Amino acid sequence: MRFASILISYTVPSPRFGWVEVSVAPETTRMAPNTGYRVNASDVATFSLPLSSDSPDGCKVAIDGYSGGWEVRCETGQKIIFGSKESAIGIRATHPRNLIELVFNGQDWKVFMAVGSLELI
């Protein structure tokens, strides 16, 4: 009996944008389209989504809660869609090591990828 083996090699693509370090979280940080944010703070960092008027279709934002939690707030008229649920308020992760990537579809922000324990608020 012969067995065939197939080796599949897959490399995770790096994001098409750079990462901004957020080390203190005294106030809300407005996110910029096509930017990633790495939270390196002891408390919860708060972000607001880019304005819809500043966000082209398909643009992304990402947060890596490296050593702190984070919260993303919607601007007026925006929604975050996570699976079959949606929120006009936002989404959060209160523990470190949670990661999210959101993509803008011209109207709403959809969770493209998420790792960790996240909740819509």
PDB file of N, CA and C in Angstrom:
ATOM      1  N   MET A   1       0.838  -1.175   0.000  1.00  0.00           N
ATOM      2  CA  MET A   1       0.000   0.000   0.000  1.00  0.00           C
ATOM      3  C   MET A   1       0.886   1.243   0.000  1.00  0.00           C
ATOM      4  N   ARG A   2       0.563   2.177  -0.852  1.00  0.00           N
ATOM      5  CA  ARG A   2       1.330   3.411  -0.945  1.00  0.00           C
ATOM      6  C   ARG A   2       0.545   4.560  -0.322  1.00  0.00           C
ATOM      7  N   PHE A   3       1.278   5.424   0.297  1.00  0.00           N
ATOM      8  CA  PHE A   3       0.690   6.623   0.886  1.00  0.00           C
ATOM      9  C   PHE A   3       1.337   7.846   0.246  1.00  0.00           C
ATOM     10  N   ALA A   4       0.536   8.772  -0.058  1.00  0.00           N
ATOM     11  CA  ALA A   4       1.044  10.023  -0.605  1.00  0.00           C
ATOM     12  C   ALA A   4       0.974  11.081   0.482  1.00  0.00           C
ATOM     13  N   SER A   5       1.982  11.854   0.563  1.00  0.00           N
ATOM     14  CA  SER A   5       1.945  12.951   1.536  1.00  0.00           C
ATOM     15  C   SER A   5       2.073  14.262   0.782  1.00  0.00           C
ATOM     16  N   ILE A   6       1.338  15.205   1.253  1.00  0.00           N
ATOM     17  CA  ILE A   6       1.357  16.537   0.657  1.00  0.00           C
ATOM     18  C   ILE A   6       1.732  17.517   1.751  1.00  0.00           C
ATOM     19  N   LEU A   7       2.720  18.304   1.475  1.00  0.00           N
ATOM     20  CA  LEU A   7       3.140  19.325   2.417  1.00  0.00           C
ATOM     21  C   LEU A   7       2.579  20.659   1.947  1.00  0.00           C
ATOM     22  N   ILE A   8       1.763  21.247   2.791  1.00  0.00           N
ATOM     23  CA  ILE A   8       1.184  22.550   2.462  1.00  0.00           C
ATOM     24  C   ILE A   8       1.898  23.585   3.316  1.00  0.00           C
ATOM     25  N   SER A   9       2.473  24.532   2.662  1.00  0.00           N
ATOM     26  CA  SER A   9       3.175  25.597   3.357  1.00  0.00           C
ATOM     27  C   SER A   9       2.353  26.870   3.238  1.00  0.00           C
ATOM     28  N   TYR A  10       2.083  27.494   4.359  1.00  0.00           N
ATOM     29  CA  TYR A  10       1.311  28.730   4.351  1.00  0.00           C
ATOM     30  C   TYR A  10       2.006  29.732   5.241  1.00  0.00           C
ATOM     31  N   THR A  11       2.248  30.886   4.715  1.00  0.00           N
ATOM     32  CA  THR A  11       2.850  31.975   5.475  1.00  0.00           C
ATOM     33  C   THR A  11       1.782  33.023   5.727  1.00  0.00           C
ATOM     34  N   VAL A  12       1.626  33.387   6.981  1.00  0.00           N
ATOM     35  CA  VAL A  12       0.653  34.414   7.326  1.00  0.00           C
ATOM     36  C   VAL A  12       1.171  35.746   6.791  1.00  0.00           C
ATOM     37  N   PRO A  13       0.370  36.415   5.958  1.00  0.00           N
ATOM     38  CA  PRO A  13       0.836  37.690   5.405  1.00  0.00           C
ATOM     39  C   PRO A  13       0.908  38.762   6.479  1.00  0.00           C
ATOM     40  N   SER A  14       1.890  39.611   6.376  1.00  0.00           N
ATOM     41  CA  SER A  14       1.979  40.709   7.324  1.00  0.00           C
ATOM     42  C   SER A  14       0.978  41.782   6.913  1.00  0.00           C
ATOM     43  N   PRO A  15       0.478  42.541   7.875  1.00  0.00           N
ATOM     44  CA  PRO A  15      -0.477  43.582   7.509  1.00  0.00           C
ATOM     45  C   PRO A  15       0.164  44.585   6.560  1.00  0.00           C
ATOM     46  N   ARG A  16      -0.670  45.237   5.786  1.00  0.00           N
ATOM     47  CA  ARG A  16      -0.166  46.214   4.820  1.00  0.00           C
ATOM     48  C   ARG A  16      -0.026  47.592   5.438  1.00  0.00           C
ATOM     49  N   PHE A  17       0.125  47.618   6.735  1.00  0.00           N
ATOM     50  CA  PHE A  17       0.295  48.885   7.420  1.00  0.00           C
ATOM     51  C   PHE A  17       1.217  48.685   8.612  1.00  0.00           C
ATOM     52  N   GLY A  18       1.732  49.788   9.141  1.00  0.00           N
ATOM     53  CA  GLY A  18       2.608  49.719  10.290  1.00  0.00           C
ATOM     54  C   GLY A  18       1.830  49.732  11.597  1.00  0.00           C
ATOM     55  N   TRP A  19       2.534  49.486  12.674  1.00  0.00           N
ATOM     56  CA  TRP A  19       1.918  49.452  13.998  1.00  0.00           C
ATOM     57  C   TRP A  19       2.345  50.671  14.798  1.00  0.00           C
ATOM     58  N   VAL A  20       1.388  51.263  15.512  1.00  0.00           N
ATOM     59  CA  VAL A  20       1.629  52.405  16.391  1.00  0.00           C
ATOM     60  C   VAL A  20       1.551  51.892  17.825  1.00  0.00           C
ATOM     61  N   GLU A  21       2.553  52.195  18.616  1.00  0.00           N
ATOM     62  CA  GLU A  21       2.581  51.777  20.015  1.00  0.00           C
ATOM     63  C   GLU A  21       1.740  52.722  20.864  1.00  0.00           C
ATOM     64  N   VAL A  22       0.841  52.169  21.675  1.00  0.00           N
ATOM     65  CA  VAL A  22       0.018  52.963  22.600  1.00  0.00           C
ATOM     66  C   VAL A  22       0.427  52.534  23.999  1.00  0.00           C
ATOM     67  N   SER A  23       1.191  53.384  24.689  1.00  0.00           N
ATOM     68  CA  SER A  23       1.730  52.987  25.992  1.00  0.00           C
ATOM     69  C   SER A  23       0.992  53.612  27.164  1.00  0.00           C
ATOM     70  N   VAL A  24       0.242  54.655  26.936  1.00  0.00           N
ATOM     71  CA  VAL A  24      -0.602  55.248  27.981  1.00  0.00           C
ATOM     72  C   VAL A  24      -1.995  55.440  27.399  1.00  0.00           C
ATOM     73  N   ALA A  25      -2.974  55.361  28.254  1.00  0.00           N
ATOM     74  CA  ALA A  25      -4.351  55.450  27.764  1.00  0.00           C
ATOM     75  C   ALA A  25      -5.154  56.486  28.537  1.00  0.00           C
ATOM     76  N   PRO A  26      -4.714  57.755  28.540  1.00  0.00           N
ATOM     77  CA  PRO A  26      -5.442  58.752  29.325  1.00  0.00           C
ATOM     78  C   PRO A  26      -6.741  59.210  28.685  1.00  0.00           C
ATOM     79  N   GLU A  27      -6.837  59.099  27.363  1.00  0.00           N
ATOM     80  CA  GLU A  27      -8.033  59.561  26.669  1.00  0.00           C
ATOM     81  C   GLU A  27      -8.235  58.716  25.419  1.00  0.00           C
ATOM     82  N   THR A  28      -9.265  59.015  24.677  1.00  0.00           N
ATOM     83  CA  THR A  28      -9.588  58.255  23.475  1.00  0.00           C
ATOM     84  C   THR A  28      -8.636  58.603  22.335  1.00  0.00           C
ATOM     85  N   THR A  29      -8.154  57.571  21.660  1.00  0.00           N
ATOM     86  CA  THR A  29      -7.292  57.737  20.491  1.00  0.00           C
ATOM     87  C   THR A  29      -8.123  57.519  19.238  1.00  0.00           C
ATOM     88  N   ARG A  30      -8.179  58.515  18.361  1.00  0.00           N
ATOM     89  CA  ARG A  30      -8.881  58.330  17.088  1.00  0.00           C
ATOM     90  C   ARG A  30      -7.987  57.503  16.184  1.00  0.00           C
ATOM     91  N   MET A  31      -8.564  56.418  15.667  1.00  0.00           N
ATOM     92  CA  MET A  31      -7.821  55.543  14.784  1.00  0.00           C
ATOM     93  C   MET A  31      -7.732  56.151  13.383  1.00  0.00           C
ATOM     94  N   ALA A  32      -6.671  55.818  12.680  1.00  0.00           N
ATOM     95  CA  ALA A  32      -6.491  56.252  11.297  1.00  0.00           C
ATOM     96  C   ALA A  32      -6.676  55.033  10.393  1.00  0.00           C
ATOM     97  N   PRO A  33      -7.259  55.204   9.208  1.00  0.00           N
ATOM     98  CA  PRO A  33      -7.425  54.078   8.290  1.00  0.00           C
ATOM     99  C   PRO A  33      -6.083  53.426   7.968  1.00  0.00           C
ATOM    100  N   ASN A  34      -6.128  52.095   7.806  1.00  0.00           N
ATOM    101  CA  ASN A  34      -4.954  51.296   7.444  1.00  0.00           C
ATOM    102  C   ASN A  34      -3.805  51.456   8.432  1.00  0.00           C
ATOM    103  N   THR A  35      -4.165  51.418   9.707  1.00  0.00           N
ATOM    104  CA  THR A  35      -3.185  51.530  10.785  1.00  0.00           C
ATOM    105  C   THR A  35      -3.474  50.472  11.839  1.00  0.00           C
ATOM    106  N   GLY A  36      -2.420  49.913  12.409  1.00  0.00           N
ATOM    107  CA  GLY A  36      -2.542  48.968  13.511  1.00  0.00           C
ATOM    108  C   GLY A  36      -2.052  49.612  14.797  1.00  0.00           C
ATOM    109  N   TYR A  37      -2.636  49.232  15.919  1.00  0.00           N
ATOM    110  CA  TYR A  37      -2.275  49.796  17.213  1.00  0.00           C
ATOM    111  C   TYR A  37      -1.915  48.664  18.161  1.00  0.00           C
ATOM    112  N   ARG A  38      -0.756  48.761  18.803  1.00  0.00           N
ATOM    113  CA  ARG A  38      -0.307  47.765  19.770  1.00  0.00           C
ATOM    114  C   ARG A  38      -0.411  48.390  21.157  1.00  0.00           C
ATOM    115  N   VAL A  39      -1.274  47.816  21.994  1.00  0.00           N
ATOM    116  CA  VAL A  39      -1.507  48.346  23.334  1.00  0.00           C
ATOM    117  C   VAL A  39      -0.456  47.778  24.278  1.00  0.00           C
ATOM    118  N   ASN A  40       0.340  48.657  24.844  1.00  0.00           N
ATOM    119  CA  ASN A  40       1.372  48.284  25.794  1.00  0.00           C
ATOM    120  C   ASN A  40       1.170  49.141  27.034  1.00  0.00           C
ATOM    121  N   ALA A  41      -0.003  48.991  27.656  1.00  0.00           N
ATOM    122  CA  ALA A  41      -0.389  49.808  28.805  1.00  0.00           C
ATOM    123  C   ALA A  41      -0.970  48.904  29.883  1.00  0.00           C
ATOM    124  N   SER A  42      -0.949  49.368  31.112  1.00  0.00           N
ATOM    125  CA  SER A  42      -1.460  48.553  32.210  1.00  0.00           C
ATOM    126  C   SER A  42      -2.981  48.629  32.345  1.00  0.00           C
ATOM    127  N   ASP A  43      -3.602  49.614  31.721  1.00  0.00           N
ATOM    128  CA  ASP A  43      -5.054  49.732  31.804  1.00  0.00           C
ATOM    129  C   ASP A  43      -5.678  49.555  30.414  1.00  0.00           C
ATOM    130  N   VAL A  44      -6.944  49.850  30.294  1.00  0.00           N
ATOM    131  CA  VAL A  44      -7.667  49.658  29.037  1.00  0.00           C
ATOM    132  C   VAL A  44      -7.506  50.895  28.157  1.00  0.00           C
ATOM    133  N   ALA A  45      -7.030  50.695  26.937  1.00  0.00           N
ATOM    134  CA  ALA A  45      -6.888  51.796  25.976  1.00  0.00           C
ATOM    135  C   ALA A  45      -8.202  51.945  25.214  1.00  0.00           C
ATOM    136  N   THR A  46      -8.661  53.179  25.036  1.00  0.00           N
ATOM    137  CA  THR A  46      -9.919  53.441  24.339  1.00  0.00           C
ATOM    138  C   THR A  46      -9.621  54.085  22.988  1.00  0.00           C
ATOM    139  N   PHE A  47     -10.258  53.546  21.948  1.00  0.00           N
ATOM    140  CA  PHE A  47     -10.085  54.029  20.587  1.00  0.00           C
ATOM    141  C   PHE A  47     -11.438  54.397  20.008  1.00  0.00           C
ATOM    142  N   SER A  48     -11.448  55.322  19.055  1.00  0.00           N
ATOM    143  CA  SER A  48     -12.654  55.582  18.274  1.00  0.00           C
ATOM    144  C   SER A  48     -12.322  55.274  16.819  1.00  0.00           C
ATOM    145  N   LEU A  49     -13.282  54.705  16.128  1.00  0.00           N
ATOM    146  CA  LEU A  49     -13.080  54.344  14.729  1.00  0.00           C
ATOM    147  C   LEU A  49     -12.824  55.585  13.877  1.00  0.00           C
ATOM    148  N   PRO A  50     -12.117  55.424  12.765  1.00  0.00           N
ATOM    149  CA  PRO A  50     -11.960  56.562  11.855  1.00  0.00           C
ATOM    150  C   PRO A  50     -13.329  57.016  11.356  1.00  0.00           C
ATOM    151  N   LEU A  51     -13.464  58.277  11.055  1.00  0.00           N
ATOM    152  CA  LEU A  51     -14.713  58.772  10.497  1.00  0.00           C
ATOM    153  C   LEU A  51     -14.993  58.077   9.171  1.00  0.00           C
ATOM    154  N   SER A  52     -16.246  57.799   8.893  1.00  0.00           N
ATOM    155  CA  SER A  52     -16.620  57.136   7.639  1.00  0.00           C
ATOM    156  C   SER A  52     -16.166  57.943   6.429  1.00  0.00           C
ATOM    157  N   SER A  53     -16.235  59.269   6.531  1.00  0.00           N
ATOM    158  CA  SER A  53     -15.841  60.130   5.415  1.00  0.00           C
ATOM    159  C   SER A  53     -14.338  60.057   5.126  1.00  0.00           C
ATOM    160  N   ASP A  54     -13.546  59.622   6.101  1.00  0.00           N
ATOM    161  CA  ASP A  54     -12.090  59.495   5.933  1.00  0.00           C
ATOM    162  C   ASP A  54     -11.654  58.078   5.583  1.00  0.00           C
ATOM    163  N   SER A  55     -12.617  57.151   5.479  1.00  0.00           N
ATOM    164  CA  SER A  55     -12.297  55.732   5.344  1.00  0.00           C
ATOM    165  C   SER A  55     -12.713  55.192   3.986  1.00  0.00           C
ATOM    166  N   PRO A  56     -11.756  54.878   3.117  1.00  0.00           N
ATOM    167  CA  PRO A  56     -12.118  54.288   1.824  1.00  0.00           C
ATOM    168  C   PRO A  56     -12.584  52.846   1.983  1.00  0.00           C
ATOM    169  N   ASP A  57     -13.405  52.377   1.049  1.00  0.00           N
ATOM    170  CA  ASP A  57     -13.841  50.977   1.058  1.00  0.00           C
ATOM    171  C   ASP A  57     -12.644  50.055   1.165  1.00  0.00           C
ATOM    172  N   GLY A  58     -12.742  49.060   2.028  1.00  0.00           N
ATOM    173  CA  GLY A  58     -11.692  48.058   2.151  1.00  0.00           C
ATOM    174  C   GLY A  58     -10.557  48.431   3.079  1.00  0.00           C
ATOM    175  N   CYS A  59     -10.576  49.635   3.645  1.00  0.00           N
ATOM    176  CA  CYS A  59      -9.497  49.985   4.564  1.00  0.00           C
ATOM    177  C   CYS A  59      -9.662  49.182   5.855  1.00  0.00           C
ATOM    178  N   LYS A  60      -8.560  49.012   6.564  1.00  0.00           N
ATOM    179  CA  LYS A  60      -8.566  48.210   7.783  1.00  0.00           C
ATOM    180  C   LYS A  60      -7.959  48.972   8.943  1.00  0.00           C
ATOM    181  N   VAL A  61      -8.356  48.567  10.143  1.00  0.00           N
ATOM    182  CA  VAL A  61      -7.695  48.985  11.369  1.00  0.00           C
ATOM    183  C   VAL A  61      -7.511  47.730  12.206  1.00  0.00           C
ATOM    184  N   ALA A  62      -6.483  47.726  13.033  1.00  0.00           N
ATOM    185  CA  ALA A  62      -6.207  46.556  13.862  1.00  0.00           C
ATOM    186  C   ALA A  62      -5.741  46.996  15.237  1.00  0.00           C
ATOM    187  N   ILE A  63      -6.025  46.161  16.232  1.00  0.00           N
ATOM    188  CA  ILE A  63      -5.536  46.391  17.591  1.00  0.00           C
ATOM    189  C   ILE A  63      -4.967  45.076  18.107  1.00  0.00           C
ATOM    190  N   ASP A  64      -3.760  45.165  18.646  1.00  0.00           N
ATOM    191  CA  ASP A  64      -3.107  44.046  19.315  1.00  0.00           C
ATOM    192  C   ASP A  64      -2.976  44.432  20.775  1.00  0.00           C
ATOM    193  N   GLY A  65      -3.763  43.796  21.628  1.00  0.00           N
ATOM    194  CA  GLY A  65      -3.705  44.086  23.062  1.00  0.00           C
ATOM    195  C   GLY A  65      -2.520  43.395  23.698  1.00  0.00           C
ATOM    196  N   TYR A  66      -1.322  43.796  23.323  1.00  0.00           N
ATOM    197  CA  TYR A  66      -0.092  43.132  23.739  1.00  0.00           C
ATOM    198  C   TYR A  66      -0.008  42.951  25.252  1.00  0.00           C
ATOM    199  N   SER A  67      -0.199  44.035  26.005  1.00  0.00           N
ATOM    200  CA  SER A  67      -0.119  43.899  27.465  1.00  0.00           C
ATOM    201  C   SER A  67      -1.263  44.610  28.178  1.00  0.00           C
ATOM    202  N   GLY A  68      -2.291  44.971  27.442  1.00  0.00           N
ATOM    203  CA  GLY A  68      -3.424  45.641  28.068  1.00  0.00           C
ATOM    204  C   GLY A  68      -4.703  45.415  27.288  1.00  0.00           C
ATOM    205  N   GLY A  69      -5.819  45.751  27.893  1.00  0.00           N
ATOM    206  CA  GLY A  69      -7.105  45.623  27.218  1.00  0.00           C
ATOM    207  C   GLY A  69      -7.363  46.829  26.329  1.00  0.00           C
ATOM    208  N   TRP A  70      -8.444  46.751  25.574  1.00  0.00           N
ATOM    209  CA  TRP A  70      -8.788  47.849  24.675  1.00  0.00           C
ATOM    210  C   TRP A  70     -10.289  47.890  24.461  1.00  0.00           C
ATOM    211  N   GLU A  71     -10.729  49.040  23.980  1.00  0.00           N
ATOM    212  CA  GLU A  71     -12.136  49.254  23.660  1.00  0.00           C
ATOM    213  C   GLU A  71     -12.186  50.127  22.418  1.00  0.00           C
ATOM    214  N   VAL A  72     -13.021  49.759  21.447  1.00  0.00           N
ATOM    215  CA  VAL A  72     -13.191  50.540  20.221  1.00  0.00           C
ATOM    216  C   VAL A  72     -14.612  51.077  20.217  1.00  0.00           C
ATOM    217  N   ARG A  73     -14.748  52.385  20.074  1.00  0.00           N
ATOM    218  CA  ARG A  73     -16.055  53.040  20.053  1.00  0.00           C
ATOM    219  C   ARG A  73     -16.419  53.453  18.633  1.00  0.00           C
ATOM    220  N   CYS A  74     -17.689  53.303  18.303  1.00  0.00           N
ATOM    221  CA  CYS A  74     -18.209  53.742  17.000  1.00  0.00           C
ATOM    222  C   CYS A  74     -18.454  55.242  17.021  1.00  0.00           C
ATOM    223  N   GLU A  75     -18.318  55.857  15.875  1.00  0.00           N
ATOM    224  CA  GLU A  75     -18.717  57.244  15.703  1.00  0.00           C
ATOM    225  C   GLU A  75     -20.202  57.256  15.328  1.00  0.00           C
ATOM    226  N   THR A  76     -20.846  58.396  15.372  1.00  0.00           N
ATOM    227  CA  THR A  76     -22.264  58.516  15.039  1.00  0.00           C
ATOM    228  C   THR A  76     -22.537  57.948  13.649  1.00  0.00           C
ATOM    229  N   GLY A  77     -23.534  57.074  13.556  1.00  0.00           N
ATOM    230  CA  GLY A  77     -23.924  56.482  12.282  1.00  0.00           C
ATOM    231  C   GLY A  77     -23.149  55.232  11.900  1.00  0.00           C
ATOM    232  N   GLN A  78     -22.148  54.845  12.692  1.00  0.00           N
ATOM    233  CA  GLN A  78     -21.358  53.649  12.384  1.00  0.00           C
ATOM    234  C   GLN A  78     -21.862  52.440  13.167  1.00  0.00           C
ATOM    235  N   LYS A  79     -21.543  51.250  12.642  1.00  0.00           N
ATOM    236  CA  LYS A  79     -21.827  49.999  13.331  1.00  0.00           C
ATOM    237  C   LYS A  79     -20.625  49.084  13.187  1.00  0.00           C
ATOM    238  N   ILE A  80     -20.436  48.240  14.199  1.00  0.00           N
ATOM    239  CA  ILE A  80     -19.478  47.143  14.107  1.00  0.00           C
ATOM    240  C   ILE A  80     -20.290  45.867  13.991  1.00  0.00           C
ATOM    241  N   ILE A  81     -19.983  45.065  12.985  1.00  0.00           N
ATOM    242  CA  ILE A  81     -20.678  43.794  12.775  1.00  0.00           C
ATOM    243  C   ILE A  81     -19.713  42.671  13.120  1.00  0.00           C
ATOM    244  N   PHE A  82     -20.133  41.813  14.040  1.00  0.00           N
ATOM    245  CA  PHE A  82     -19.322  40.693  14.520  1.00  0.00           C
ATOM    246  C   PHE A  82     -20.166  39.429  14.390  1.00  0.00           C
ATOM    247  N   GLY A  83     -19.950  38.681  13.311  1.00  0.00           N
ATOM    248  CA  GLY A  83     -20.781  37.508  13.044  1.00  0.00           C
ATOM    249  C   GLY A  83     -22.189  37.950  12.714  1.00  0.00           C
ATOM    250  N   SER A  84     -23.160  37.422  13.456  1.00  0.00           N
ATOM    251  CA  SER A  84     -24.558  37.789  13.211  1.00  0.00           C
ATOM    252  C   SER A  84     -25.033  38.912  14.129  1.00  0.00           C
ATOM    253  N   LYS A  85     -24.119  39.462  14.933  1.00  0.00           N
ATOM    254  CA  LYS A  85     -24.488  40.529  15.862  1.00  0.00           C
ATOM    255  C   LYS A  85     -23.875  41.843  15.419  1.00  0.00           C
ATOM    256  N   GLU A  86     -24.469  42.920  15.883  1.00  0.00           N
ATOM    257  CA  GLU A  86     -23.938  44.242  15.555  1.00  0.00           C
ATOM    258  C   GLU A  86     -24.111  45.188  16.731  1.00  0.00           C
ATOM    259  N   SER A  87     -23.292  46.231  16.747  1.00  0.00           N
ATOM    260  CA  SER A  87     -23.362  47.236  17.802  1.00  0.00           C
ATOM    261  C   SER A  87     -23.068  48.607  17.207  1.00  0.00           C
ATOM    262  N   ALA A  88     -23.835  49.590  17.642  1.00  0.00           N
ATOM    263  CA  ALA A  88     -23.577  50.973  17.258  1.00  0.00           C
ATOM    264  C   ALA A  88     -22.768  51.679  18.346  1.00  0.00           C
ATOM    265  N   ILE A  89     -22.383  50.939  19.381  1.00  0.00           N
ATOM    266  CA  ILE A  89     -21.597  51.510  20.479  1.00  0.00           C
ATOM    267  C   ILE A  89     -20.123  51.131  20.336  1.00  0.00           C
ATOM    268  N   GLY A  90     -19.828  49.824  20.238  1.00  0.00           N
ATOM    269  CA  GLY A  90     -18.439  49.420  20.087  1.00  0.00           C
ATOM    270  C   GLY A  90     -18.189  47.970  20.434  1.00  0.00           C
ATOM    271  N   ILE A  91     -16.917  47.642  20.601  1.00  0.00           N
ATOM    272  CA  ILE A  91     -16.467  46.293  20.932  1.00  0.00           C
ATOM    273  C   ILE A  91     -15.279  46.426  21.873  1.00  0.00           C
ATOM    274  N   ARG A  92     -15.083  45.432  22.777  1.00  0.00           N
ATOM    275  CA  ARG A  92     -13.976  45.544  23.713  1.00  0.00           C
ATOM    276  C   ARG A  92     -13.393  44.182  24.071  1.00  0.00           C
ATOM    277  N   ALA A  93     -12.176  44.253  24.556  1.00  0.00           N
ATOM    278  CA  ALA A  93     -11.458  43.105  25.105  1.00  0.00           C
ATOM    279  C   ALA A  93     -10.767  43.605  26.361  1.00  0.00           C
ATOM    280  N   THR A  94     -11.109  43.053  27.506  1.00  0.00           N
ATOM    281  CA  THR A  94     -10.580  43.583  28.758  1.00  0.00           C
ATOM    282  C   THR A  94      -9.296  42.901  29.216  1.00  0.00           C
ATOM    283  N   HIS A  95      -8.849  41.881  28.491  1.00  0.00           N
ATOM    284  CA  HIS A  95      -7.641  41.167  28.867  1.00  0.00           C
ATOM    285  C   HIS A  95      -6.540  41.369  27.829  1.00  0.00           C
ATOM    286  N   PRO A  96      -5.293  41.268  28.247  1.00  0.00           N
ATOM    287  CA  PRO A  96      -4.185  41.359  27.298  1.00  0.00           C
ATOM    288  C   PRO A  96      -4.217  40.207  26.289  1.00  0.00           C
ATOM    289  N   ARG A  97      -3.488  40.381  25.228  1.00  0.00           N
ATOM    290  CA  ARG A  97      -3.287  39.365  24.186  1.00  0.00           C
ATOM    291  C   ARG A  97      -4.505  39.119  23.313  1.00  0.00           C
ATOM    292  N   ASN A  98      -5.446  40.052  23.265  1.00  0.00           N
ATOM    293  CA  ASN A  98      -6.575  39.954  22.353  1.00  0.00           C
ATOM    294  C   ASN A  98      -6.274  40.791  21.114  1.00  0.00           C
ATOM    295  N   LEU A  99      -6.657  40.266  19.967  1.00  0.00           N
ATOM    296  CA  LEU A  99      -6.319  40.893  18.698  1.00  0.00           C
ATOM    297  C   LEU A  99      -7.576  41.011  17.847  1.00  0.00           C
ATOM    298  N   ILE A 100      -7.713  42.117  17.133  1.00  0.00           N
ATOM    299  CA  ILE A 100      -8.853  42.295  16.237  1.00  0.00           C
ATOM    300  C   ILE A 100      -8.402  43.062  14.999  1.00  0.00           C
ATOM    301  N   GLU A 101      -9.030  42.723  13.888  1.00  0.00           N
ATOM    302  CA  GLU A 101      -8.826  43.476  12.657  1.00  0.00           C
ATOM    303  C   GLU A 101     -10.209  43.756  12.089  1.00  0.00           C
ATOM    304  N   LEU A 102     -10.490  45.022  11.816  1.00  0.00           N
ATOM    305  CA  LEU A 102     -11.773  45.455  11.285  1.00  0.00           C
ATOM    306  C   LEU A 102     -11.580  45.978   9.870  1.00  0.00           C
ATOM    307  N   VAL A 103     -12.550  45.718   9.008  1.00  0.00           N
ATOM    308  CA  VAL A 103     -12.488  46.217   7.632  1.00  0.00           C
ATOM    309  C   VAL A 103     -13.750  47.037   7.361  1.00  0.00           C
ATOM    310  N   PHE A 104     -13.576  48.146   6.651  1.00  0.00           N
ATOM    311  CA  PHE A 104     -14.684  49.046   6.345  1.00  0.00           C
ATOM    312  C   PHE A 104     -15.272  48.687   4.990  1.00  0.00           C
ATOM    313  N   ASN A 105     -16.593  48.549   4.926  1.00  0.00           N
ATOM    314  CA  ASN A 105     -17.235  48.164   3.664  1.00  0.00           C
ATOM    315  C   ASN A 105     -17.985  49.324   3.009  1.00  0.00           C
ATOM    316  N   GLY A 106     -17.650  50.539   3.386  1.00  0.00           N
ATOM    317  CA  GLY A 106     -18.321  51.698   2.819  1.00  0.00           C
ATOM    318  C   GLY A 106     -19.459  52.203   3.669  1.00  0.00           C
ATOM    319  N   GLN A 107     -19.901  51.363   4.597  1.00  0.00           N
ATOM    320  CA  GLN A 107     -20.999  51.746   5.479  1.00  0.00           C
ATOM    321  C   GLN A 107     -20.736  51.318   6.922  1.00  0.00           C
ATOM    322  N   ASP A 108     -20.321  50.081   7.100  1.00  0.00           N
ATOM    323  CA  ASP A 108     -20.106  49.522   8.433  1.00  0.00           C
ATOM    324  C   ASP A 108     -18.694  48.966   8.561  1.00  0.00           C
ATOM    325  N   TRP A 109     -18.275  48.739   9.804  1.00  0.00           N
ATOM    326  CA  TRP A 109     -17.005  48.084  10.093  1.00  0.00           C
ATOM    327  C   TRP A 109     -17.308  46.631  10.441  1.00  0.00           C
ATOM    328  N   LYS A 110     -16.681  45.698   9.753  1.00  0.00           N
ATOM    329  CA  LYS A 110     -16.896  44.271  10.002  1.00  0.00           C
ATOM    330  C   LYS A 110     -15.637  43.671  10.611  1.00  0.00           C
ATOM    331  N   VAL A 111     -15.857  42.771  11.585  1.00  0.00           N
ATOM    332  CA  VAL A 111     -14.729  42.071  12.178  1.00  0.00           C
ATOM    333  C   VAL A 111     -14.201  41.095  11.138  1.00  0.00           C
ATOM    334  N   PHE A 112     -12.994  41.347  10.673  1.00  0.00           N
ATOM    335  CA  PHE A 112     -12.355  40.518   9.662  1.00  0.00           C
ATOM    336  C   PHE A 112     -11.647  39.340  10.325  1.00  0.00           C
ATOM    337  N   MET A 113     -11.031  39.599  11.487  1.00  0.00           N
ATOM    338  CA  MET A 113     -10.305  38.579  12.216  1.00  0.00           C
ATOM    339  C   MET A 113     -10.295  38.964  13.689  1.00  0.00           C
ATOM    340  N   ALA A 114     -10.464  37.974  14.551  1.00  0.00           N
ATOM    341  CA  ALA A 114     -10.443  38.243  15.986  1.00  0.00           C
ATOM    342  C   ALA A 114      -9.831  37.055  16.728  1.00  0.00           C
ATOM    343  N   VAL A 115      -9.025  37.362  17.730  1.00  0.00           N
ATOM    344  CA  VAL A 115      -8.427  36.343  18.581  1.00  0.00           C
ATOM    345  C   VAL A 115      -8.626  36.787  20.013  1.00  0.00           C
ATOM    346  N   GLY A 116      -9.219  35.926  20.832  1.00  0.00           N
ATOM    347  CA  GLY A 116      -9.389  36.245  22.245  1.00  0.00           C
ATOM    348  C   GLY A 116     -10.847  36.321  22.625  1.00  0.00           C
ATOM    349  N   SER A 117     -11.080  36.887  23.785  1.00  0.00           N
ATOM    350  CA  SER A 117     -12.417  37.012  24.339  1.00  0.00           C
ATOM    351  C   SER A 117     -12.914  38.443  24.117  1.00  0.00           C
ATOM    352  N   LEU A 118     -13.767  38.618  23.116  1.00  0.00           N
ATOM    353  CA  LEU A 118     -14.253  39.942  22.757  1.00  0.00           C
ATOM    354  C   LEU A 118     -15.744  40.034  23.007  1.00  0.00           C
ATOM    355  N   GLU A 119     -16.224  41.234  23.272  1.00  0.00           N
ATOM    356  CA  GLU A 119     -17.665  41.424  23.437  1.00  0.00           C
ATOM    357  C   GLU A 119     -18.109  42.747  22.820  1.00  0.00           C
ATOM    358  N   LEU A 120     -19.269  42.708  22.193  1.00  0.00           N
ATOM    359  CA  LEU A 120     -19.878  43.931  21.692  1.00  0.00           C
ATOM    360  C   LEU A 120     -20.451  44.691  22.880  1.00  0.00           C
ATOM    361  N   ILE A 121     -20.412  46.020  22.809  1.00  0.00           N
ATOM    362  CA  ILE A 121     -20.975  46.824  23.908  1.00  0.00           C
ATOM    363  C   ILE A 121     -22.050  47.738  23.349  1.00  0.00           C
TER     364      ILE A 121
END
